[in-house]
Amino acid sequence: MPVSYINEIAKHAGREATVRGWLRHKRGGGKIAFLVVRDGTGDIQAVVSKAVVGDEAFALAGKLTQESSLLLTGTVQADARALGGYELHVSRLEVVQLVADEFPIQPKEHGTGFLMEHRHLWLRSHRQEAVLRIRHEIIRACRNFFDDRGFILADTPIFTPNACEGTTTLFETDYFGEKAYLTQSGQLYNEATAAAFGKVYCFGPTFRAEKSKTRRHLMEFWMVEPEIAFAELADVMALAEEFLAHIVARVLEHRREELKALERDVKKLEAIVPPFPRLTYAEAVAVLQKKGNPIQPGDDFGGDEETILSNEFDRPVIVHRYPAALKAFYMQNDPENPDLALCMDVLAPEGYGEIIGGGQRIHERDKLLARLHAHHLPEDAFKWYLDLRAFGSVPHAGFGMGIERAVAWICGIEHVRETIPFPRMLYKIYP
């Protein structure tokens, strides 16, 4: 008998097929039972008739408990009223495991703490399935976007000998007697591969030891980071705009059902089309002050400021040219005002704040060396990075997008903890 995934069950309409999965819930009585079964690709209702399967199998169906694992064989019948448009009329039932204990997550209100302690089981819920399918679609869209535009995927190391963003947020580890750190970003290594291939991107986990409990922070998250040789700030602002529009369009095209399950207002996503508004840092400060925020020129933006700014627009807003003192050591200065950095942040609408950060890198060796010294960073650890400015250096630029923040925004969920299968948060590493 052919084995079918539930999302492909229509191929077997009018014929027999076998479905393998887990019992979500059941109902019925007398001589008929209805089992709702999931297999990871979808749900289907299976109709078990005592007259068809016999007394023993029907009695077994009556004993089934939530999350029991099953093999069901039967005839696939189209029914517009049924879940997914098809039902399975069962002729044979086989139990792989009959769950003896009550499933911890029941159809009632559970606190977030309880659900996070049972994250390994919470993943089986409709909501979490929808979020993680959208995450998958976003990741696929990211890869396709860059692959289709001639970028080379060049993976960067997770163990690094030095900091990228700042020494205060590093996870330190022992590397055979030497200090090493979990990567904060693949950007520095991206600059090396961009000098070899022209257009590159890396995609992998990154780590920030930030003692933050905000809804936007994780200790371990995934970033996609493109880097382009012979590029300036304007080039990566345009690329980021095109990139985000592409991702949202792909989710709208392929994951409407999941967005519906999350009760996401898709009209707000349909508005995500270029051009995106652009503000200088100075213009953004003026907007914030007009809104009553106490920020002063030279102050960095926090969650409150990003929320106010992003609520002003129906699509992402690009804020550029922050004070150089607020940015990383490798950021190029604006030639028209050296106190400013050629950098940008992209803030998602609806109060979601920063999802992309990037800019133009310093490409002059002497200037980069001076900046390392100013930031009290060890020259020896960055010798290889300085070498990139000694052998064919060119203007280059790139950015990084945190996947979890993008997922939270596109799904319309409040906290990033639901955007990754097993979130790592402050004081939270189980399961």
Protein backbone atom coordinates (compact mmCIF):
# COMPACT_ATOMS: atom_id res chain seq x y z
CA MET A 1 0.00 0.00 0.00
CA PRO A 2 1.50 3.42 -0.92
CA VAL A 3 2.55 5.55 2.06
CA SER A 4 1.48 9.17 1.71
CA TYR A 5 2.34 12.36 3.50
CA ILE A 6 -0.83 14.19 4.46
CA ASN A 7 0.00 17.24 2.33
CA GLU A 8 0.13 14.92 -0.71
CA ILE A 9 -2.96 12.87 0.13
CA ALA A 10 -4.92 14.28 -2.83
CA LYS A 11 -2.75 12.20 -5.16
CA HIS A 12 -4.46 9.10 -3.79
CA ALA A 13 -8.06 10.29 -3.97
CA GLY A 14 -10.41 7.34 -4.52
CA ARG A 15 -7.67 4.83 -3.73
CA GLU A 16 -6.15 3.22 -0.67
CA ALA A 17 -3.12 4.72 1.06
CA THR A 18 -1.31 4.55 4.38
CA VAL A 19 -0.74 7.55 6.61
CA ARG A 20 1.81 7.57 9.43
CA GLY A 21 1.50 10.10 12.23
CA TRP A 22 0.42 11.08 15.71
CA LEU A 23 -3.05 11.48 17.20
CA ARG A 24 -3.92 15.10 17.81
CA HIS A 25 -7.39 14.41 19.20
CA LYS A 26 -10.40 12.13 18.71
CA ARG A 27 -14.18 12.19 19.06
CA GLY A 28 -17.17 9.97 18.39
CA GLY A 29 -18.96 7.09 20.01
CA GLY A 30 -21.15 4.12 19.30
CA LYS A 31 -19.92 2.45 16.16
CA ILE A 32 -17.80 5.23 14.61
CA ALA A 33 -14.79 7.25 15.72
CA PHE A 34 -13.08 10.27 14.20
CA LEU A 35 -9.31 10.59 14.66
CA VAL A 36 -7.45 13.77 13.76
CA VAL A 37 -3.91 12.75 12.88
CA ARG A 38 -0.88 14.91 12.08
CA ASP A 39 2.34 13.85 10.38
CA GLY A 40 4.32 17.09 10.29
CA THR A 41 3.07 18.08 6.84
CA GLY A 42 -0.56 18.56 7.78
CA ASP A 43 -3.60 17.14 9.55
CA ILE A 44 -6.25 14.73 8.30
CA GLN A 45 -9.41 13.30 9.79
CA ALA A 46 -9.53 9.51 9.79
CA VAL A 47 -12.93 7.81 10.03
CA VAL A 48 -12.87 4.49 11.89
CA SER A 49 -16.02 2.37 11.52
CA LYS A 50 -16.54 -0.67 13.72
CA ALA A 51 -18.25 -2.43 10.84
CA VAL A 52 -15.15 -2.03 8.67
CA VAL A 53 -12.25 -2.58 11.05
CA GLY A 54 -13.87 -5.10 13.41
CA ASP A 55 -14.39 -5.18 17.15
CA GLU A 56 -10.75 -5.50 18.23
CA ALA A 57 -9.38 -2.66 16.11
CA PHE A 58 -12.34 -0.44 17.00
CA ALA A 59 -11.77 -1.06 20.69
CA LEU A 60 -8.10 -0.17 20.19
CA ALA A 61 -9.13 3.09 18.52
CA GLY A 62 -11.20 3.89 21.60
CA LYS A 63 -8.13 3.52 23.82
CA LEU A 64 -5.96 5.89 21.80
CA THR A 65 -4.50 8.81 23.71
CA GLN A 66 -3.16 12.17 22.55
CA GLU A 67 0.18 11.88 20.69
CA SER A 68 -0.06 8.09 20.30
CA SER A 69 1.80 7.16 17.10
CA LEU A 70 -0.17 5.31 14.41
CA LEU A 71 -0.22 3.75 10.98
CA LEU A 72 -3.61 4.11 9.29
CA THR A 73 -4.54 2.47 6.02
CA GLY A 74 -7.74 3.26 4.20
CA THR A 75 -9.49 4.86 1.25
CA VAL A 76 -8.88 8.52 0.57
CA GLN A 77 -12.17 10.33 -0.04
CA ALA A 78 -12.67 13.94 -1.10
CA ASP A 79 -14.97 15.88 1.21
CA ALA A 80 -15.20 19.66 1.03
CA ARG A 81 -16.30 19.79 4.67
CA ALA A 82 -13.31 17.81 5.90
CA LEU A 83 -10.04 19.15 7.22
CA GLY A 84 -7.85 19.77 4.19
CA GLY A 85 -10.61 18.64 1.83
CA TYR A 86 -10.00 14.88 2.28
CA GLU A 87 -10.78 12.13 4.76
CA LEU A 88 -9.21 8.74 5.28
CA HIS A 89 -11.78 5.95 5.71
CA VAL A 90 -9.77 3.45 7.71
CA SER A 91 -9.63 -0.27 6.91
CA ARG A 92 -6.60 -1.10 9.06
CA LEU A 93 -5.15 0.52 12.19
CA GLU A 94 -1.74 -0.19 13.69
CA VAL A 95 -0.48 1.44 16.89
CA VAL A 96 3.25 2.12 17.04
CA GLN A 97 3.10 3.47 20.59
CA LEU A 98 0.10 3.92 22.85
CA VAL A 99 0.96 6.88 25.08
CA ALA A 100 0.35 5.94 28.71
CA ASP A 101 0.72 9.38 30.31
CA GLU A 102 -1.43 12.44 29.80
CA PHE A 103 0.19 14.82 27.32
CA PRO A 104 1.39 17.83 29.38
CA ILE A 105 0.04 20.46 26.97
CA GLN A 106 -3.74 20.38 26.96
CA PRO A 107 -6.29 22.60 25.13
CA LYS A 108 -6.38 25.12 27.99
CA GLU A 109 -4.46 28.21 29.05
CA HIS A 110 -0.82 27.51 29.97
CA GLY A 111 1.70 30.05 31.22
CA THR A 112 4.68 30.95 29.05
CA GLY A 113 7.08 29.55 31.65
CA PHE A 114 5.35 26.17 31.55
CA LEU A 115 5.32 26.12 27.75
CA MET A 116 9.01 27.00 27.56
CA GLU A 117 9.85 24.19 30.00
CA HIS A 118 8.00 21.88 27.62
CA ARG A 119 9.31 23.49 24.43
CA HIS A 120 10.18 20.06 23.02
CA LEU A 121 6.46 19.21 23.11
CA TRP A 122 5.05 22.71 22.49
CA LEU A 123 6.59 22.52 19.00
CA ARG A 124 3.77 20.13 18.05
CA SER A 125 1.06 22.79 18.36
CA HIS A 126 -0.59 24.42 15.36
CA ARG A 127 0.79 27.84 16.25
CA GLN A 128 4.38 26.70 16.61
CA GLU A 129 4.17 24.65 13.44
CA ALA A 130 2.97 27.73 11.55
CA VAL A 131 5.75 29.94 12.92
CA LEU A 132 8.49 27.46 12.10
CA ARG A 133 7.16 26.76 8.61
CA ILE A 134 7.28 30.51 7.96
CA ARG A 135 10.82 30.56 9.37
CA HIS A 136 11.74 27.83 6.89
CA GLU A 137 10.22 29.86 4.04
CA ILE A 138 12.15 32.97 5.08
CA ILE A 139 15.43 31.05 5.18
CA ARG A 140 14.74 29.52 1.78
CA ALA A 141 13.89 32.96 0.39
CA CYS A 142 17.15 34.39 1.77
CA ARG A 143 19.24 31.71 0.13
CA ASN A 144 17.40 31.94 -3.18
CA PHE A 145 17.70 35.73 -3.24
CA PHE A 146 21.46 35.72 -2.96
CA ASP A 147 22.03 32.58 -5.03
CA ASP A 148 19.98 34.00 -7.89
CA ARG A 149 22.04 37.20 -7.85
CA GLY A 150 25.42 35.55 -8.17
CA PHE A 151 26.46 35.55 -4.51
CA ILE A 152 28.66 32.73 -3.25
CA LEU A 153 27.82 31.08 0.09
CA ALA A 154 31.08 31.15 2.06
CA ASP A 155 30.65 29.75 5.58
CA THR A 156 32.51 31.56 8.33
CA PRO A 157 33.92 30.10 11.58
CA ILE A 158 32.00 29.84 14.84
CA PHE A 159 35.20 29.84 16.92
CA THR A 160 37.04 33.15 16.54
CA PRO A 161 40.18 34.59 18.14
CA ASN A 162 38.80 38.11 18.39
CA ALA A 163 35.70 40.26 18.75
CA CYS A 164 33.66 41.72 15.93
CA GLU A 165 31.04 43.93 17.56
CA GLY A 166 32.43 44.51 21.06
CA THR A 167 34.40 42.69 23.72
CA THR A 168 31.73 42.95 26.42
CA THR A 169 29.26 40.59 24.71
CA LEU A 170 31.54 37.64 23.95
CA PHE A 171 31.06 34.05 25.03
CA GLU A 172 34.57 32.91 25.93
CA THR A 173 35.73 29.30 25.63
CA ASP A 174 38.96 27.33 25.89
CA TYR A 175 40.52 26.35 22.58
CA PHE A 176 43.23 23.82 23.49
CA GLY A 177 44.80 26.16 26.02
CA GLU A 178 44.07 29.37 24.13
CA LYS A 179 41.19 31.78 24.55
CA ALA A 180 38.58 31.67 21.81
CA TYR A 181 35.14 33.16 21.44
CA LEU A 182 31.83 32.17 19.89
CA THR A 183 31.25 34.33 16.85
CA GLN A 184 29.20 37.52 17.07
CA SER A 185 29.09 37.86 13.29
CA GLY A 186 30.66 36.38 10.18
CA GLN A 187 31.30 39.84 8.75
CA LEU A 188 35.08 40.13 9.18
CA TYR A 189 35.61 36.79 7.44
CA ASN A 190 33.04 37.78 4.83
CA GLU A 191 35.29 40.69 3.92
CA ALA A 192 38.09 38.21 3.17
CA THR A 193 35.92 36.01 0.97
CA ALA A 194 34.39 39.05 -0.77
CA ALA A 195 37.92 40.02 -1.81
CA ALA A 196 38.20 36.56 -3.38
CA PHE A 197 34.75 36.15 -4.94
CA GLY A 198 33.29 39.65 -5.21
CA LYS A 199 29.83 38.90 -3.81
CA VAL A 200 29.43 36.52 -0.88
CA TYR A 201 27.15 35.71 2.00
CA CYS A 202 27.34 33.60 5.13
CA PHE A 203 24.43 32.07 7.01
CA GLY A 204 24.85 30.60 10.44
CA PRO A 205 24.46 30.88 14.21
CA THR A 206 25.84 33.87 16.07
CA PHE A 207 26.19 34.49 19.79
CA ARG A 208 25.86 37.59 21.97
CA ALA A 209 26.41 37.46 25.73
CA GLU A 210 24.06 40.37 26.36
CA LYS A 211 22.34 40.33 29.73
CA SER A 212 19.07 41.42 28.21
CA LYS A 213 15.57 40.11 28.79
CA THR A 214 13.79 42.11 26.09
CA ARG A 215 11.40 40.53 23.62
CA ARG A 216 13.95 41.11 20.83
CA HIS A 217 17.00 39.38 22.32
CA LEU A 218 18.37 35.85 22.22
CA MET A 219 21.82 34.67 23.26
CA GLU A 220 22.04 32.44 20.16
CA PHE A 221 20.46 33.48 16.89
CA TRP A 222 20.90 33.04 13.15
CA MET A 223 22.16 35.70 10.78
CA VAL A 224 22.39 36.00 7.03
CA GLU A 225 25.17 38.39 6.04
CA PRO A 226 26.02 39.50 2.49
CA GLU A 227 29.22 41.36 1.66
CA ILE A 228 30.08 43.01 -1.67
CA ALA A 229 33.41 44.24 -3.05
CA PHE A 230 33.37 47.56 -4.92
CA ALA A 231 30.25 48.63 -3.01
CA GLU A 232 29.31 51.64 -0.92
CA LEU A 233 26.56 52.50 1.57
CA ALA A 234 24.02 53.39 -1.13
CA ASP A 235 24.50 49.97 -2.76
CA VAL A 236 23.71 47.98 0.38
CA MET A 237 20.76 50.20 1.29
CA ALA A 238 19.25 49.39 -2.11
CA LEU A 239 20.10 45.70 -1.69
CA ALA A 240 18.51 45.51 1.77
CA GLU A 241 15.34 47.12 0.42
CA GLU A 242 15.08 44.64 -2.44
CA PHE A 243 15.96 41.76 -0.10
CA LEU A 244 13.20 42.43 2.43
CA ALA A 245 10.57 43.00 -0.25
CA HIS A 246 11.54 39.65 -1.80
CA ILE A 247 11.29 37.76 1.49
CA VAL A 248 7.86 39.13 2.36
CA ALA A 249 6.57 38.42 -1.15
CA ARG A 250 7.75 34.81 -0.91
CA VAL A 251 6.02 34.27 2.42
CA LEU A 252 2.81 35.78 1.07
CA GLU A 253 3.04 33.52 -1.98
CA HIS A 254 3.79 30.24 -0.20
CA ARG A 255 2.63 30.54 3.43
CA ARG A 256 -0.82 32.14 3.37
CA GLU A 257 -2.33 29.29 5.38
CA GLU A 258 0.26 29.63 8.13
CA LEU A 259 -0.24 33.40 8.28
CA LYS A 260 -3.97 32.76 8.57
CA ALA A 261 -3.39 30.32 11.42
CA LEU A 262 -1.45 33.05 13.22
CA GLU A 263 -4.23 35.58 12.48
CA ARG A 264 -1.65 37.80 10.80
CA ASP A 265 -2.99 40.90 9.06
CA VAL A 266 -1.63 40.19 5.58
CA LYS A 267 -2.63 43.64 4.31
CA LYS A 268 0.21 45.03 6.40
CA LEU A 269 2.62 42.63 4.73
CA GLU A 270 1.27 43.42 1.27
CA ALA A 271 2.36 47.03 1.86
CA ILE A 272 6.02 45.96 2.06
CA VAL A 273 7.11 47.17 -1.36
CA PRO A 274 9.90 49.58 -2.37
CA PRO A 275 10.76 52.35 -2.04
CA PHE A 276 11.32 52.35 1.71
CA PRO A 277 11.50 55.69 3.54
CA ARG A 278 15.01 56.81 4.48
CA LEU A 279 16.04 59.08 7.34
CA THR A 280 19.42 60.30 8.46
CA TYR A 281 20.20 59.78 12.12
CA ALA A 282 19.73 63.53 12.66
CA GLU A 283 16.30 63.43 11.01
CA ALA A 284 15.34 60.42 13.11
CA VAL A 285 16.35 62.22 16.31
CA ALA A 286 14.16 65.16 15.29
CA VAL A 287 11.19 62.81 14.76
CA LEU A 288 11.75 61.23 18.17
CA GLN A 289 11.99 64.57 19.96
CA LYS A 290 8.82 65.75 18.24
CA LYS A 291 7.12 62.61 19.62
CA GLY A 292 8.23 63.53 23.13
CA ASN A 293 11.17 61.13 23.41
CA PRO A 294 14.01 62.56 25.56
CA ILE A 295 16.80 61.45 23.19
CA GLN A 296 19.60 63.92 22.51
CA PRO A 297 21.92 64.11 19.48
CA GLY A 298 24.71 61.60 19.98
CA ASP A 299 22.57 59.15 21.96
CA ASP A 300 22.12 55.63 20.62
CA PHE A 301 18.69 54.22 19.85
CA GLY A 302 17.20 51.62 22.16
CA GLY A 303 14.06 49.55 21.85
CA ASP A 304 11.78 52.48 22.73
CA GLU A 305 13.26 54.74 20.07
CA GLU A 306 13.18 52.02 17.40
CA THR A 307 9.55 51.28 18.24
CA ILE A 308 8.51 54.93 17.89
CA LEU A 309 10.30 55.32 14.57
CA SER A 310 9.05 52.07 13.08
CA ASN A 311 5.47 52.91 14.05
CA GLU A 312 5.67 56.02 11.87
CA PHE A 313 5.69 54.05 8.62
CA ASP A 314 3.76 51.22 6.99
CA ARG A 315 6.96 49.62 5.66
CA PRO A 316 10.56 49.31 6.83
CA VAL A 317 12.46 52.56 7.34
CA ILE A 318 16.20 52.89 6.72
CA VAL A 319 18.05 55.08 9.22
CA HIS A 320 21.58 55.95 8.09
CA ARG A 321 24.67 57.94 9.05
CA TYR A 322 24.75 57.47 12.81
CA PRO A 323 27.49 59.16 14.86
CA ALA A 324 30.72 57.23 14.31
CA ALA A 325 31.22 57.02 18.08
CA LEU A 326 28.17 54.74 18.33
CA LYS A 327 29.35 52.25 15.74
CA ALA A 328 31.92 49.47 15.43
CA PHE A 329 35.60 50.12 14.78
CA TYR A 330 35.45 49.02 11.13
CA MET A 331 32.79 51.49 9.93
CA GLN A 332 33.87 53.98 7.27
CA ASN A 333 33.45 57.69 8.03
CA ASP A 334 31.23 59.90 5.91
CA PRO A 335 33.64 62.02 3.80
CA GLU A 336 31.23 64.95 4.06
CA ASN A 337 31.16 64.72 7.87
CA PRO A 338 33.83 62.51 9.49
CA ASP A 339 31.88 62.48 12.76
CA LEU A 340 29.29 60.27 11.05
CA ALA A 341 29.61 56.64 9.95
CA LEU A 342 28.50 55.32 6.58
CA CYS A 343 26.14 52.87 8.25
CA MET A 344 22.47 51.98 8.25
CA ASP A 345 19.84 50.18 10.28
CA VAL A 346 16.60 48.91 8.79
CA LEU A 347 13.68 49.11 11.23
CA ALA A 348 10.66 46.89 10.62
CA PRO A 349 7.21 48.49 10.90
CA GLU A 350 4.57 47.88 13.59
CA GLY A 351 7.08 48.56 16.35
CA TYR A 352 9.39 45.61 15.61
CA GLY A 353 12.51 47.73 15.37
CA GLU A 354 15.91 46.82 13.93
CA ILE A 355 16.13 43.72 11.80
CA ILE A 356 19.08 44.69 9.56
CA GLY A 357 22.29 46.50 10.40
CA GLY A 358 25.24 47.22 8.16
CA GLY A 359 27.20 49.72 6.15
CA GLN A 360 30.45 50.51 4.42
CA ARG A 361 33.73 49.23 5.86
CA ILE A 362 37.01 51.08 6.23
CA HIS A 363 39.19 50.04 3.29
CA GLU A 364 42.33 52.09 4.08
CA ARG A 365 44.89 50.15 6.13
CA ASP A 366 46.29 53.08 8.11
CA LYS A 367 42.84 54.32 9.06
CA LEU A 368 41.76 50.83 10.19
CA LEU A 369 44.94 50.42 12.24
CA ALA A 370 44.33 53.75 13.97
CA ARG A 371 40.75 52.71 14.71
CA LEU A 372 41.91 49.41 16.25
CA HIS A 373 44.23 51.31 18.57
CA ALA A 374 41.48 53.80 19.46
CA HIS A 375 39.22 50.89 20.46
CA HIS A 376 42.04 49.21 22.42
CA LEU A 377 41.88 46.09 20.27
CA PRO A 378 45.01 43.89 19.87
CA GLU A 379 46.77 44.50 16.58
CA ASP A 380 48.18 40.96 16.47
CA ALA A 381 44.72 39.38 16.54
CA PHE A 382 43.66 41.49 13.56
CA LYS A 383 46.80 41.16 11.45
CA TRP A 384 44.95 39.05 8.89
CA TYR A 385 42.15 41.64 8.78
CA LEU A 386 44.69 44.41 8.15
CA ASP A 387 46.22 42.29 5.37
CA LEU A 388 42.95 42.64 3.45
CA ARG A 389 43.71 46.38 3.23
CA ALA A 390 47.28 45.77 2.03
CA PHE A 391 46.59 43.52 -0.96
CA GLY A 392 44.09 44.99 -3.42
CA SER A 393 41.82 46.83 -1.02
CA VAL A 394 38.63 48.32 -2.45
CA PRO A 395 35.54 50.01 -1.00
CA HIS A 396 33.20 47.29 0.22
CA ALA A 397 29.99 47.05 2.19
CA GLY A 398 27.46 44.61 3.60
CA PHE A 399 24.84 43.97 6.22
CA GLY A 400 23.42 41.34 8.54
CA MET A 401 19.81 40.31 9.14
CA GLY A 402 18.77 38.42 12.23
CA ILE A 403 16.41 35.65 11.17
CA GLU A 404 14.49 35.51 14.44
CA ARG A 405 13.59 39.20 14.42
CA ALA A 406 12.48 38.96 10.80
CA VAL A 407 10.34 35.92 11.64
CA ALA A 408 8.76 37.71 14.61
CA TRP A 409 7.85 40.69 12.43
CA ILE A 410 6.49 38.72 9.48
CA CYS A 411 4.52 36.37 11.75
CA GLY A 412 3.26 39.26 13.86
CA ILE A 413 4.30 37.67 17.17
CA GLU A 414 5.50 39.61 20.17
CA HIS A 415 8.56 37.69 21.38
CA VAL A 416 11.46 36.11 19.49
CA ARG A 417 11.39 33.06 21.77
CA GLU A 418 8.79 31.45 19.46
CA THR A 419 10.80 32.04 16.29
CA ILE A 420 13.47 29.38 16.83
CA PRO A 421 12.90 25.74 17.82
CA PHE A 422 14.94 25.91 21.04
CA PRO A 423 15.57 29.51 22.16
CA ARG A 424 18.57 30.42 24.28
CA MET A 425 17.67 33.33 26.55
CA LEU A 426 19.16 34.92 29.65
CA TYR A 427 19.23 32.19 32.32
CA LYS A 428 17.30 29.85 30.00
CA ILE A 429 19.13 26.93 28.41
CA TYR A 430 16.70 24.03 29.05
CA PRO A 431 15.58 22.06 27.16
